[in-house]
C-alpha atoms as a PDB file:
ATOM      1  CA  MET A   1      59.295 104.701 105.936  1.00  0.00           C
ATOM      2  CA  GLU A   2      61.238 101.459 105.783  1.00  0.00           C
ATOM      3  CA  GLN A   3      64.882 101.879 106.657  1.00  0.00           C
ATOM      4  CA  ARG A   4      66.972  98.952 107.783  1.00  0.00           C
ATOM      5  CA  GLY A   5      63.920  97.081 109.063  1.00  0.00           C
ATOM      6  CA  SER A   6      62.697  99.818 111.400  1.00  0.00           C
ATOM      7  CA  GLY A   7      59.715 101.092 109.412  1.00  0.00           C
ATOM      8  CA  PHE A   8      56.998  99.080 111.141  1.00  0.00           C
ATOM      9  CA  ALA A   9      58.171 100.122 114.603  1.00  0.00           C
ATOM     10  CA  ARG A  10      58.436 103.751 113.523  1.00  0.00           C
ATOM     11  CA  MET A  11      54.904 103.677 112.069  1.00  0.00           C
ATOM     12  CA  ARG A  12      53.572 102.228 115.314  1.00  0.00           C
ATOM     13  CA  ASP A  13      55.441 104.832 117.390  1.00  0.00           C
ATOM     14  CA  ALA A  14      54.266 107.709 115.187  1.00  0.00           C
ATOM     15  CA  MET A  15      50.639 106.605 115.465  1.00  0.00           C
ATOM     16  CA  LEU A  16      50.846 106.313 119.270  1.00  0.00           C
ATOM     17  CA  ASN A  17      52.647 109.650 119.590  1.00  0.00           C
ATOM     18  CA  HIS A  18      49.839 111.348 117.677  1.00  0.00           C
ATOM     19  CA  GLY A  19      47.093 109.874 119.852  1.00  0.00           C
ATOM     20  CA  LEU A  20      45.965 107.199 117.406  1.00  0.00           C
ATOM     21  CA  ASP A  21      45.670 103.431 117.683  1.00  0.00           C
ATOM     22  CA  VAL A  22      48.457 101.269 116.283  1.00  0.00           C
ATOM     23  CA  PRO A  23      48.237 100.249 112.624  1.00  0.00           C
ATOM     24  CA  THR A  24      47.181  96.712 111.794  1.00  0.00           C
ATOM     25  CA  PHE A  25      48.999  94.501 109.316  1.00  0.00           C
ATOM     26  CA  ALA A  26      47.381  91.714 107.317  1.00  0.00           C
ATOM     27  CA  GLU A  27      47.603  89.739 104.101  1.00  0.00           C
ATOM     28  CA  GLN A  28      44.622  89.785 101.763  1.00  0.00           C
ATOM     29  CA  ASP A  29      44.413  88.154  98.344  1.00  0.00           C
ATOM     30  CA  GLY A  30      48.198  87.906  98.190  1.00  0.00           C
ATOM     31  CA  TYR A  31      48.734  91.566  99.071  1.00  0.00           C
ATOM     32  CA  PHE A  32      50.201  93.074 102.202  1.00  0.00           C
ATOM     33  CA  VAL A  33      47.626  95.409 103.789  1.00  0.00           C
ATOM     34  CA  VAL A  34      48.334  98.098 106.378  1.00  0.00           C
ATOM     35  CA  THR A  35      45.356  99.777 108.034  1.00  0.00           C
ATOM     36  CA  PHE A  36      45.930 103.127 109.722  1.00  0.00           C
ATOM     37  CA  PRO A  37      43.034 103.770 112.097  1.00  0.00           C
ATOM     38  CA  GLY A  38      41.929 107.366 112.254  1.00  0.00           C
ATOM     39  CA  PRO A  39      40.391 109.281 115.133  1.00  0.00           C
ATOM     40  CA  ASN A  40      36.897 108.042 114.201  1.00  0.00           C
ATOM     41  CA  GLY A  41      35.427 111.504 114.632  1.00  0.00           C
ATOM     42  CA  ASP A  42      37.102 112.088 118.002  1.00  0.00           C
ATOM     43  CA  TYR A  43      39.500 114.829 116.906  1.00  0.00           C
ATOM     44  CA  GLU A  44      40.226 115.824 120.494  1.00  0.00           C
ATOM     45  CA  ARG A  45      42.401 112.718 120.870  1.00  0.00           C
ATOM     46  CA  LEU A  46      44.763 113.886 118.131  1.00  0.00           C
ATOM     47  CA  LYS A  47      47.928 115.486 119.379  1.00  0.00           C
ATOM     48  CA  VAL A  48      51.094 116.829 117.911  1.00  0.00           C
ATOM     49  CA  PRO A  49      54.052 115.429 119.789  1.00  0.00           C
ATOM     50  CA  GLU A  50      56.255 118.188 121.020  1.00  0.00           C
ATOM     51  CA  GLY A  51      59.925 117.463 121.545  1.00  0.00           C
ATOM     52  CA  THR A  52      58.695 115.063 124.243  1.00  0.00           C
ATOM     53  CA  VAL A  53      60.982 116.856 126.647  1.00  0.00           C
ATOM     54  CA  GLY A  54      59.949 115.853 130.103  1.00  0.00           C
ATOM     55  CA  ALA A  55      56.950 113.746 129.178  1.00  0.00           C
ATOM     56  CA  VAL A  56      56.955 110.057 128.430  1.00  0.00           C
ATOM     57  CA  PRO A  57      56.047 109.718 124.758  1.00  0.00           C
ATOM     58  CA  PRO A  58      53.163 107.272 124.266  1.00  0.00           C
ATOM     59  CA  ALA A  59      55.319 105.063 122.024  1.00  0.00           C
ATOM     60  CA  VAL A  60      57.898 104.702 124.807  1.00  0.00           C
ATOM     61  CA  GLU A  61      55.258 104.323 127.524  1.00  0.00           C
ATOM     62  CA  ALA A  62      53.780 101.412 125.554  1.00  0.00           C
ATOM     63  CA  GLN A  63      57.161  99.657 125.845  1.00  0.00           C
ATOM     64  CA  LEU A  64      57.472 100.106 129.630  1.00  0.00           C
ATOM     65  CA  ASN A  65      56.667  97.138 131.816  1.00  0.00           C
ATOM     66  CA  GLU A  66      54.815  97.596 135.111  1.00  0.00           C
ATOM     67  CA  ARG A  67      58.055  97.445 137.115  1.00  0.00           C
ATOM     68  CA  GLN A  68      59.630 100.218 135.033  1.00  0.00           C
ATOM     69  CA  LYS A  69      56.512 102.341 135.508  1.00  0.00           C
ATOM     70  CA  LYS A  70      56.779 101.802 139.278  1.00  0.00           C
ATOM     71  CA  MET A  71      60.467 102.720 139.150  1.00  0.00           C
ATOM     72  CA  LEU A  72      59.592 105.991 137.373  1.00  0.00           C
ATOM     73  CA  ALA A  73      56.840 106.705 139.883  1.00  0.00           C
ATOM     74  CA  LEU A  74      59.297 106.266 142.773  1.00  0.00           C
ATOM     75  CA  MET A  75      61.820 108.561 141.095  1.00  0.00           C
ATOM     76  CA  ALA A  76      59.033 111.097 140.451  1.00  0.00           C
ATOM     77  CA  LYS A  77      58.492 111.166 144.224  1.00  0.00           C
ATOM     78  CA  GLY A  78      62.134 112.188 144.626  1.00  0.00           C
ATOM     79  CA  GLU A  79      63.654 108.804 145.400  1.00  0.00           C
ATOM     80  CA  ALA A  80      67.045 107.904 143.996  1.00  0.00           C
ATOM     81  CA  LEU A  81      67.036 104.239 143.023  1.00  0.00           C
ATOM     82  CA  SER A  82      69.889 101.773 142.917  1.00  0.00           C
ATOM     83  CA  SER A  83      70.085  98.302 141.424  1.00  0.00           C
ATOM     84  CA  GLN A  84      70.278  96.827 144.914  1.00  0.00           C
ATOM     85  CA  LYS A  85      67.148  98.698 146.023  1.00  0.00           C
ATOM     86  CA  CYS A  86      65.216  97.440 142.980  1.00  0.00           C
ATOM     87  CA  VAL A  87      66.408  93.884 143.600  1.00  0.00           C
ATOM     88  CA  LYS A  88      64.891  94.087 147.084  1.00  0.00           C
ATOM     89  CA  LEU A  89      61.734  96.005 146.115  1.00  0.00           C
ATOM     90  CA  PHE A  90      60.757  93.945 143.089  1.00  0.00           C
ATOM     91  CA  GLY A  91      62.389  90.553 143.748  1.00  0.00           C
ATOM     92  CA  ILE A  92      64.395  90.674 140.524  1.00  0.00           C
ATOM     93  CA  THR A  93      68.010  89.918 139.641  1.00  0.00           C
ATOM     94  CA  ARG A  94      70.709  92.557 139.368  1.00  0.00           C
ATOM     95  CA  ASP A  95      70.894  91.896 135.603  1.00  0.00           C
ATOM     96  CA  THR A  96      67.171  92.588 135.207  1.00  0.00           C
ATOM     97  CA  SER A  97      67.540  95.778 137.218  1.00  0.00           C
ATOM     98  CA  SER A  98      70.454  96.870 135.014  1.00  0.00           C
ATOM     99  CA  ARG A  99      68.454  96.204 131.848  1.00  0.00           C
ATOM    100  CA  ASP A 100      65.533  98.228 133.223  1.00  0.00           C
ATOM    101  CA  PHE A 101      67.791 101.165 134.087  1.00  0.00           C
ATOM    102  CA  ASP A 102      69.593 100.939 130.728  1.00  0.00           C
ATOM    103  CA  PHE A 103      66.227 101.210 128.946  1.00  0.00           C
ATOM    104  CA  LEU A 104      65.134 104.177 131.082  1.00  0.00           C
ATOM    105  CA  VAL A 105      68.453 105.985 130.583  1.00  0.00           C
ATOM    106  CA  GLN A 106      68.485 105.250 126.828  1.00  0.00           C
ATOM    107  CA  HIS A 107      65.045 106.838 126.459  1.00  0.00           C
ATOM    108  CA  GLY A 108      65.912 109.873 128.598  1.00  0.00           C
ATOM    109  CA  LEU A 109      63.599 108.898 131.457  1.00  0.00           C
ATOM    110  CA  ALA A 110      66.333 108.401 134.059  1.00  0.00           C
ATOM    111  CA  GLU A 111      69.790 109.783 134.688  1.00  0.00           C
ATOM    112  CA  LYS A 112      72.720 107.820 136.095  1.00  0.00           C
ATOM    113  CA  LYS A 113      74.617 109.404 138.998  1.00  0.00           C
ATOM    114  CA  GLY A 114      77.847 108.019 140.423  1.00  0.00           C
ATOM    115  CA  ALA A 115      79.639 104.776 139.636  1.00  0.00           C
ATOM    116  CA  GLY A 116      80.046 101.283 141.041  1.00  0.00           C
ATOM    117  CA  ARG A 117      78.164 100.598 144.253  1.00  0.00           C
ATOM    118  CA  ALA A 118      77.389 104.295 144.600  1.00  0.00           C
ATOM    119  CA  THR A 119      75.405 104.356 141.326  1.00  0.00           C
ATOM    120  CA  ARG A 120      71.972 105.896 141.704  1.00  0.00           C
ATOM    121  CA  TYR A 121      69.292 106.703 139.149  1.00  0.00           C
ATOM    122  CA  VAL A 122      67.119 109.804 139.302  1.00  0.00           C
ATOM    123  CA  LEU A 123      64.781 111.663 136.991  1.00  0.00           C
ATOM    124  CA  PRO A 124      66.602 113.962 134.585  1.00  0.00           C
ATOM    125  CA  PRO A 125      66.373 117.637 135.612  1.00  0.00           C
ATOM    126  CA  ARG A 126      64.060 118.498 132.691  1.00  0.00           C
ATOM    127  CA  HIS A 127      61.566 115.718 133.591  1.00  0.00           C
ATOM    128  CA  PRO A 128      58.472 117.182 135.271  1.00  0.00           C
ATOM    129  CA  ASN A 129      57.013 115.305 138.206  1.00  0.00           C
ATOM    130  CA  SER A 130      53.678 115.494 136.498  1.00  0.00           C
ATOM    131  CA  GLY A 131      52.529 111.988 137.186  1.00  0.00           C
ATOM    132  CA  THR A 132      52.338 111.075 133.517  1.00  0.00           C
ATOM    133  CA  VAL A 133      53.485 107.549 134.320  1.00  0.00           C
ATOM    134  CA  LYS A 134      50.819 105.418 135.926  1.00  0.00           C
END
């Protein structure tokens, strides 16, 4: 699981994507202990992540801040967002807006259209407006 320091994050993401709680890490009697919580009898909560096409995977959703969730909700309503619009709506800097959009684009949750001042961000065509983002 461990590859170039990414194993812990991948374990956490895999657990969330399958409907489970995140693993806990501890040290006990000089040993490193990882506890993987199971469904505790609630097998309905287990899920097999599909290609996550269109839906926000739980591991990614856990990384979204409230502003990014609001940005996705606005795009789900059909709005095209720009950095300038987000600066006004959320009272943030242009750099913060750019970082938010970079994260959304990197994870396939938003698509960049245009360039320069005409840059707008929209939901990718395959993203359903299903309201999965709260």
